[in-house]
Amino acid sequence: MRRAALLHALSHLRARGADATLIGSLKSAGFGLDSDIDLLVTRCPPNLVYAIEADLEDIMGGFKFDLVYLNLVPEGQRENWLAHAS
């Protein structure tokens, strides 16, 4: 169920002009019952930042998630975040 919600969320983001990739415990197989789904947003039109968060709340159906916006990550840490995303 989480996988279906995640795939729907990623597809929805692309349709809205944003790109995101999975990071965190779900990607690294450390995911547990209390884990959230972490997404690194690599591209997002500025006017959609809050809108996509609201959209994802509906799409994720109660699953906890976090969005990390790459453009808000300090420049010296961006490569590290991108490495976790690949």
Protein backbone atom coordinates (compact mmCIF):
# COMPACT_ATOMS: atom_id res chain seq x y z
CA MET A 1 0.00 0.00 0.00
CA ARG A 2 2.80 2.43 0.84
CA ARG A 3 4.52 1.60 -2.43
CA ALA A 4 1.37 2.38 -4.42
CA ALA A 5 0.94 5.67 -2.55
CA LEU A 6 4.60 6.54 -3.14
CA LEU A 7 4.41 5.81 -6.87
CA HIS A 8 1.22 7.84 -7.15
CA ALA A 9 2.84 10.72 -5.25
CA LEU A 10 5.91 10.76 -7.51
CA SER A 11 3.74 10.64 -10.62
CA HIS A 12 1.58 13.47 -9.29
CA LEU A 13 4.62 15.61 -8.56
CA ARG A 14 5.93 15.12 -12.11
CA ALA A 15 2.54 16.08 -13.51
CA ARG A 16 2.64 19.31 -11.48
CA GLY A 17 6.14 20.19 -12.74
CA ALA A 18 8.11 19.01 -9.72
CA ASP A 19 10.64 16.19 -9.41
CA ALA A 20 11.38 14.16 -6.30
CA THR A 21 13.30 11.04 -5.45
CA LEU A 22 13.15 8.61 -2.58
CA ILE A 23 15.71 8.96 0.22
CA GLY A 24 15.91 7.73 3.78
CA SER A 25 15.00 4.48 5.47
CA LEU A 26 12.60 3.17 2.82
CA LYS A 27 15.33 3.38 0.22
CA SER A 28 18.01 1.92 2.48
CA ALA A 29 15.89 -1.03 3.69
CA GLY A 30 15.89 0.31 7.25
CA PHE A 31 12.17 1.06 7.06
CA GLY A 32 10.10 0.08 10.07
CA LEU A 33 6.50 0.32 11.19
CA ASP A 34 7.02 3.80 12.63
CA SER A 35 9.16 5.12 9.77
CA ASP A 36 8.11 7.91 7.49
CA ILE A 37 8.63 8.21 3.75
CA ASP A 38 11.36 10.71 2.90
CA LEU A 39 11.43 12.46 -0.46
CA LEU A 40 14.08 14.79 -1.80
CA VAL A 41 12.41 17.42 -4.01
CA THR A 42 14.97 18.30 -6.65
CA ARG A 43 12.79 20.66 -8.69
CA CYS A 44 9.63 22.51 -7.73
CA PRO A 45 8.03 25.64 -9.12
CA PRO A 46 8.09 28.16 -6.24
CA ASN A 47 4.34 28.70 -6.35
CA LEU A 48 3.70 24.99 -5.73
CA VAL A 49 5.78 24.39 -2.60
CA TYR A 50 2.88 24.38 -0.16
CA ALA A 51 0.39 23.06 -2.69
CA ILE A 52 2.32 19.85 -3.32
CA GLU A 53 2.61 19.24 0.42
CA ALA A 54 -1.17 19.45 0.72
CA ASP A 55 -1.61 17.24 -2.34
CA LEU A 56 0.73 14.61 -0.91
CA GLU A 57 -1.13 14.57 2.40
CA ASP A 58 -4.22 13.48 0.46
CA ILE A 59 -2.34 11.04 -1.77
CA MET A 60 -0.37 9.38 1.03
CA GLY A 61 -3.57 8.46 2.83
CA GLY A 62 -2.26 8.95 6.34
CA PHE A 63 1.24 7.60 5.77
CA LYS A 64 3.82 9.87 7.37
CA PHE A 65 6.17 11.60 4.96
CA ASP A 66 8.81 14.31 4.90
CA LEU A 67 9.78 16.51 1.98
CA VAL A 68 13.31 17.91 1.78
CA TYR A 69 13.68 20.67 -0.77
CA LEU A 70 17.12 20.51 -2.35
CA ASN A 71 17.19 24.26 -2.98
CA LEU A 72 16.79 24.83 0.78
CA VAL A 73 19.64 22.49 1.74
CA PRO A 74 22.85 24.47 2.45
CA GLU A 75 25.01 24.41 -0.67
CA GLY A 76 27.86 22.58 1.08
CA GLN A 77 25.50 19.69 1.93
CA ARG A 78 23.69 19.28 -1.39
CA GLU A 79 26.12 16.74 -2.83
CA ASN A 80 25.64 14.55 0.23
CA TRP A 81 21.85 14.66 -0.13
CA LEU A 82 22.08 13.88 -3.83
CA ALA A 83 24.41 10.95 -3.12
CA HIS A 84 21.73 9.45 -0.82
CA ALA A 85 19.18 9.90 -3.56
CA SER A 86 21.09 8.03 -6.26
